[in-house]
Amino acid sequence: MLKTLTRLRHTRLRDLLSGLMVSLVLFGCTYLRKPPSPIPVNEIPAPQQSPLRALVIVLPGKSDDLDDLADSGIAQAVQRAWPQADVLLAGATLRYYGDGRLAQRLHDEIVVPARAHGYREIWLTGASMGGMGTLLYERQYPHEVTGLVLYAPFMGAPSLVRRIADAGGPAAWDPGPVPERVDGDNYQTEMWRVVKSWQDPKEAARIWLSCGDRDRFIEAARTLAPLLPPDHFIEEPGGHDWDVWDAGAEKVFARIAALPR
């Protein structure tokens, strides 16, 4: 009994600290230096040119910067599967979330110029924190990109994930009224509100998900996966790292490249 109570206390404390830390970082911190403007990028041209003009934007995880993204192998994984796609690595690090304007800056500095540059397809992707950023962008600018690819996205505190699962999944779960603005108290719920919209098969068809079977975010991935077409969720062996996400990305983008257009 004592061990059980101790585990429960540790679980609740971990959930509290997880939600508090991210809330402070994203919406409450003033100690983070102002992020550079514009968002730094690294563009990797497609190995094979195509009139389709497709672009894959990659957002980093919490501990990554632009150099880490370049070293991760994600661009090469995408282009092995889809050699006609350009890849743009976006250095939207933790500071951009603390700035509170991540979605707006992604839109103004990267997505809109890409459209003006003639890209017919734009895929927004992100790992861990970057997956969260991808969802926050979709919430603020729905359907502005062709689709989303999420690698083990951070989806909020485990207690929230369990609450949604216990309600019968995102489709049955009630997120409550839409708030006037996203803040540290509601951003986790708002990410799941986006997920709930994937009950519509047309919405779900735009979404792809990959996660390691030993990833700390696997329960969240398995909770949202039933809303997606069966072949849109890839569960790779492994944990929370780029080797796993690279393997998932290669499979995901092979399927995306094969889509009829």
Protein backbone atom coordinates (compact mmCIF):
# COMPACT_ATOMS: atom_id res chain seq x y z
CA MET A 1 0.00 0.00 0.00
CA LEU A 2 2.79 2.43 0.93
CA LYS A 3 4.59 1.73 -2.37
CA THR A 4 1.35 2.29 -4.29
CA LEU A 5 0.71 5.62 -2.55
CA THR A 6 4.31 6.67 -3.18
CA ARG A 7 3.99 5.88 -6.89
CA LEU A 8 0.73 7.84 -7.07
CA ARG A 9 2.33 10.85 -5.38
CA HIS A 10 5.29 10.68 -7.76
CA THR A 11 2.97 10.42 -10.77
CA ARG A 12 0.90 13.42 -9.65
CA LEU A 13 4.03 15.43 -8.92
CA ARG A 14 5.50 14.57 -12.32
CA ASP A 15 2.26 15.58 -14.04
CA LEU A 16 2.15 18.85 -12.11
CA LEU A 17 5.76 19.71 -12.83
CA SER A 18 5.41 18.76 -16.50
CA GLY A 19 2.41 21.01 -17.03
CA LEU A 20 3.84 23.81 -14.90
CA MET A 21 7.23 23.78 -16.62
CA VAL A 22 5.81 23.91 -20.12
CA SER A 23 3.22 26.52 -19.16
CA LEU A 24 5.91 28.75 -17.70
CA VAL A 25 8.20 28.29 -20.67
CA LEU A 26 5.53 28.86 -23.27
CA PHE A 27 3.43 31.55 -21.70
CA GLY A 28 4.95 32.91 -18.52
CA CYS A 29 8.70 33.24 -18.74
CA THR A 30 10.41 36.58 -19.06
CA TYR A 31 13.96 35.32 -18.58
CA LEU A 32 14.23 33.86 -22.10
CA ARG A 33 16.15 36.10 -24.45
CA LYS A 34 14.20 37.55 -27.34
CA PRO A 35 14.42 35.11 -30.25
CA PRO A 36 16.16 36.09 -33.49
CA SER A 37 14.13 37.52 -36.32
CA PRO A 38 13.46 36.07 -38.80
CA ILE A 39 13.42 32.42 -37.73
CA PRO A 40 16.72 30.92 -38.96
CA VAL A 41 16.33 28.22 -41.59
CA ASN A 42 18.37 25.69 -43.50
CA GLU A 43 17.04 24.81 -46.94
CA ILE A 44 17.85 21.45 -48.54
CA PRO A 45 16.86 21.36 -52.22
CA ALA A 46 15.16 18.31 -53.64
CA PRO A 47 17.55 15.77 -55.21
CA GLN A 48 15.09 15.41 -58.10
CA GLN A 49 13.27 18.39 -59.58
CA SER A 50 9.54 18.13 -60.13
CA PRO A 51 6.76 20.48 -61.32
CA LEU A 52 4.81 19.52 -58.18
CA ARG A 53 6.86 21.96 -56.03
CA ALA A 54 6.53 20.34 -52.61
CA LEU A 55 8.07 21.64 -49.37
CA VAL A 56 8.48 19.83 -46.03
CA ILE A 57 9.04 22.16 -43.04
CA VAL A 58 10.57 20.56 -39.93
CA LEU A 59 10.30 22.03 -36.42
CA PRO A 60 12.80 20.94 -33.74
CA GLY A 61 12.35 19.29 -30.37
CA LYS A 62 12.78 21.12 -27.07
CA SER A 63 16.54 20.55 -26.83
CA ASP A 64 17.32 21.05 -30.53
CA ASP A 65 18.57 24.02 -32.49
CA LEU A 66 19.12 24.42 -36.22
CA ASP A 67 22.47 22.61 -36.13
CA ASP A 68 20.92 19.70 -34.25
CA LEU A 69 18.20 19.46 -36.90
CA ALA A 70 20.81 19.41 -39.64
CA ASP A 71 22.67 16.61 -37.84
CA SER A 72 19.53 14.62 -37.07
CA GLY A 73 19.22 13.03 -40.51
CA ILE A 74 15.56 14.04 -40.85
CA ALA A 75 16.05 15.89 -44.16
CA GLN A 76 17.82 12.90 -45.68
CA ALA A 77 15.12 10.54 -44.39
CA VAL A 78 12.38 12.63 -45.99
CA GLN A 79 14.20 12.90 -49.30
CA ARG A 80 15.08 9.20 -49.47
CA ALA A 81 11.35 8.58 -49.49
CA TRP A 82 10.34 11.64 -51.52
CA PRO A 83 13.29 12.91 -53.58
CA GLN A 84 11.09 15.50 -55.31
CA ALA A 85 10.49 17.41 -52.06
CA ASP A 86 12.49 20.38 -50.80
CA VAL A 87 13.10 20.34 -47.04
CA LEU A 88 13.28 23.44 -44.85
CA LEU A 89 14.66 23.03 -41.35
CA ALA A 90 13.26 25.80 -39.14
CA GLY A 91 15.22 26.84 -36.05
CA ALA A 92 12.08 27.56 -34.02
CA THR A 93 13.68 26.78 -30.67
CA LEU A 94 12.22 27.06 -27.18
CA ARG A 95 12.64 30.83 -27.17
CA TYR A 96 10.10 31.23 -29.98
CA TYR A 97 7.45 29.53 -27.85
CA GLY A 98 8.28 31.81 -24.94
CA ASP A 99 7.86 34.76 -27.29
CA GLY A 100 4.19 33.78 -27.60
CA ARG A 101 4.06 34.33 -31.38
CA LEU A 102 5.34 31.04 -32.74
CA ALA A 103 2.36 30.31 -34.99
CA GLN A 104 2.20 33.86 -36.32
CA ARG A 105 5.92 33.94 -37.06
CA LEU A 106 5.87 30.56 -38.76
CA HIS A 107 3.02 31.80 -40.90
CA ASP A 108 4.45 35.22 -41.77
CA GLU A 109 8.11 34.28 -42.11
CA ILE A 110 7.97 30.78 -43.60
CA VAL A 111 4.58 29.56 -44.86
CA VAL A 112 3.40 32.70 -46.65
CA PRO A 113 6.74 33.24 -48.44
CA ALA A 114 6.77 29.57 -49.44
CA ARG A 115 3.35 29.97 -51.06
CA ALA A 116 4.57 33.08 -52.85
CA HIS A 117 7.59 31.09 -54.02
CA GLY A 118 5.27 28.74 -55.88
CA TYR A 119 5.03 25.68 -53.65
CA ARG A 120 1.86 23.73 -54.37
CA GLU A 121 2.19 21.45 -51.34
CA ILE A 122 3.52 22.46 -47.91
CA TRP A 123 3.82 19.85 -45.17
CA LEU A 124 4.43 21.06 -41.62
CA THR A 125 6.20 18.53 -39.39
CA GLY A 126 7.66 18.52 -35.90
CA ALA A 127 9.15 16.27 -33.25
CA SER A 128 8.17 16.34 -29.57
CA MET A 129 7.87 20.08 -28.78
CA GLY A 130 7.88 20.69 -32.54
CA GLY A 131 4.83 18.45 -32.86
CA MET A 132 3.10 20.66 -30.33
CA GLY A 133 4.14 23.71 -32.35
CA THR A 134 2.68 22.10 -35.46
CA LEU A 135 -0.67 21.66 -33.72
CA LEU A 136 -0.65 25.20 -32.35
CA TYR A 137 -0.03 26.45 -35.89
CA GLU A 138 -2.93 24.37 -37.22
CA ARG A 139 -5.20 25.75 -34.53
CA GLN A 140 -4.42 29.35 -35.47
CA TYR A 141 -4.16 28.81 -39.25
CA PRO A 142 -6.35 25.82 -40.12
CA HIS A 143 -5.77 24.30 -43.56
CA GLU A 144 -3.02 26.76 -44.46
CA VAL A 145 -0.69 23.81 -45.06
CA THR A 146 -1.37 20.66 -47.04
CA GLY A 147 -0.93 18.37 -44.05
CA LEU A 148 0.79 17.67 -40.75
CA VAL A 149 3.31 15.00 -39.80
CA LEU A 150 3.79 14.55 -36.05
CA TYR A 151 6.70 12.69 -34.48
CA ALA A 152 5.97 11.79 -30.84
CA PRO A 153 4.26 15.14 -30.21
CA PHE A 154 4.07 16.54 -26.70
CA MET A 155 0.32 16.51 -25.97
CA GLY A 156 0.20 17.80 -22.42
CA ALA A 157 0.36 16.31 -18.96
CA PRO A 158 -0.19 12.53 -18.64
CA SER A 159 -3.19 13.24 -16.40
CA LEU A 160 -4.91 15.05 -19.28
CA VAL A 161 -4.12 12.22 -21.68
CA ARG A 162 -5.60 9.70 -19.23
CA ARG A 163 -8.69 11.86 -18.73
CA ILE A 164 -9.29 11.98 -22.48
CA ALA A 165 -8.74 8.23 -22.82
CA ASP A 166 -11.10 7.53 -19.90
CA ALA A 167 -13.76 9.68 -21.59
CA GLY A 168 -13.69 7.30 -24.56
CA GLY A 169 -11.04 9.07 -26.62
CA PRO A 170 -10.86 12.51 -28.26
CA ALA A 171 -14.09 11.99 -30.21
CA ALA A 172 -16.14 11.49 -27.03
CA TRP A 173 -14.23 13.92 -24.83
CA ASP A 174 -15.74 17.38 -24.19
CA PRO A 175 -13.12 20.17 -24.26
CA GLY A 176 -15.62 22.82 -23.17
CA PRO A 177 -16.16 26.22 -24.79
CA VAL A 178 -13.52 27.72 -27.06
CA PRO A 179 -11.46 30.27 -25.12
CA GLU A 180 -10.83 33.79 -26.33
CA ARG A 181 -7.08 33.20 -26.38
CA VAL A 182 -4.56 30.42 -25.85
CA ASP A 183 -2.57 30.72 -22.62
CA GLY A 184 -0.72 28.65 -20.07
CA ASP A 185 -3.96 27.38 -18.56
CA ASN A 186 -5.59 26.07 -21.72
CA TYR A 187 -3.02 25.38 -24.46
CA GLN A 188 -2.94 21.63 -23.72
CA THR A 189 -6.73 21.40 -24.03
CA GLU A 190 -6.60 23.45 -27.22
CA MET A 191 -4.16 21.02 -28.84
CA TRP A 192 -6.59 18.19 -28.14
CA ARG A 193 -9.45 20.31 -29.51
CA VAL A 194 -7.56 20.30 -32.82
CA VAL A 195 -7.21 16.52 -32.54
CA LYS A 196 -10.94 16.17 -31.85
CA SER A 197 -11.68 17.83 -35.22
CA TRP A 198 -10.06 14.82 -36.89
CA GLN A 199 -13.33 12.93 -36.46
CA ASP A 200 -14.01 14.32 -39.92
CA PRO A 201 -12.37 11.86 -42.36
CA LYS A 202 -11.31 14.74 -44.63
CA GLU A 203 -9.47 16.32 -41.71
CA ALA A 204 -7.90 13.05 -40.61
CA ALA A 205 -6.63 12.36 -44.13
CA ARG A 206 -4.26 15.34 -43.75
CA ILE A 207 -2.60 14.00 -40.59
CA TRP A 208 0.23 11.49 -40.12
CA LEU A 209 1.74 10.29 -36.85
CA SER A 210 4.84 8.31 -35.87
CA CYS A 211 6.05 7.36 -32.40
CA GLY A 212 8.42 4.88 -30.80
CA ASP A 213 6.84 2.04 -28.88
CA ARG A 214 8.99 2.92 -25.84
CA ASP A 215 8.58 6.68 -26.19
CA ARG A 216 7.38 8.53 -23.09
CA PHE A 217 4.62 10.06 -25.23
CA ILE A 218 3.39 6.76 -26.71
CA GLU A 219 0.15 6.75 -24.69
CA ALA A 220 -0.81 10.14 -26.10
CA ALA A 221 -0.01 8.91 -29.61
CA ARG A 222 -2.10 5.78 -29.12
CA THR A 223 -4.95 7.87 -27.74
CA LEU A 224 -5.18 10.09 -30.81
CA ALA A 225 -4.27 7.45 -33.42
CA PRO A 226 -7.78 5.85 -33.69
CA LEU A 227 -9.03 9.05 -35.34
CA LEU A 228 -6.56 8.62 -38.22
CA PRO A 229 -6.69 6.27 -41.20
CA PRO A 230 -5.01 3.02 -40.14
CA ASP A 231 -1.94 3.49 -42.33
CA HIS A 232 -1.40 7.05 -41.04
CA PHE A 233 0.00 5.88 -37.69
CA ILE A 234 3.42 4.23 -37.62
CA GLU A 235 4.69 2.81 -34.36
CA GLU A 236 8.43 2.29 -34.56
CA PRO A 237 10.57 0.28 -32.16
CA GLY A 238 12.49 2.60 -29.87
CA GLY A 239 12.26 5.64 -27.67
CA HIS A 240 12.24 9.42 -27.87
CA ASP A 241 15.04 10.21 -30.33
CA TRP A 242 15.78 11.19 -33.90
CA ASP A 243 16.78 7.70 -35.05
CA VAL A 244 13.22 6.58 -34.37
CA TRP A 245 11.67 9.69 -35.94
CA ASP A 246 13.90 9.41 -39.02
CA ALA A 247 12.72 5.84 -39.56
CA GLY A 248 9.08 6.90 -39.14
CA ALA A 249 9.52 9.88 -41.44
CA GLU A 250 10.93 7.72 -44.22
CA LYS A 251 7.89 5.44 -44.08
CA VAL A 252 5.41 8.30 -43.77
CA PHE A 253 6.81 10.27 -46.69
CA ALA A 254 7.03 7.21 -48.90
CA ARG A 255 3.25 6.94 -48.46
CA ILE A 256 2.72 10.66 -48.95
CA ALA A 257 4.83 10.59 -52.13
CA ALA A 258 2.62 7.77 -53.47
CA LEU A 259 -0.64 9.69 -52.93
CA PRO A 260 -2.64 10.42 -56.10
CA ARG A 261 -2.44 14.06 -57.19
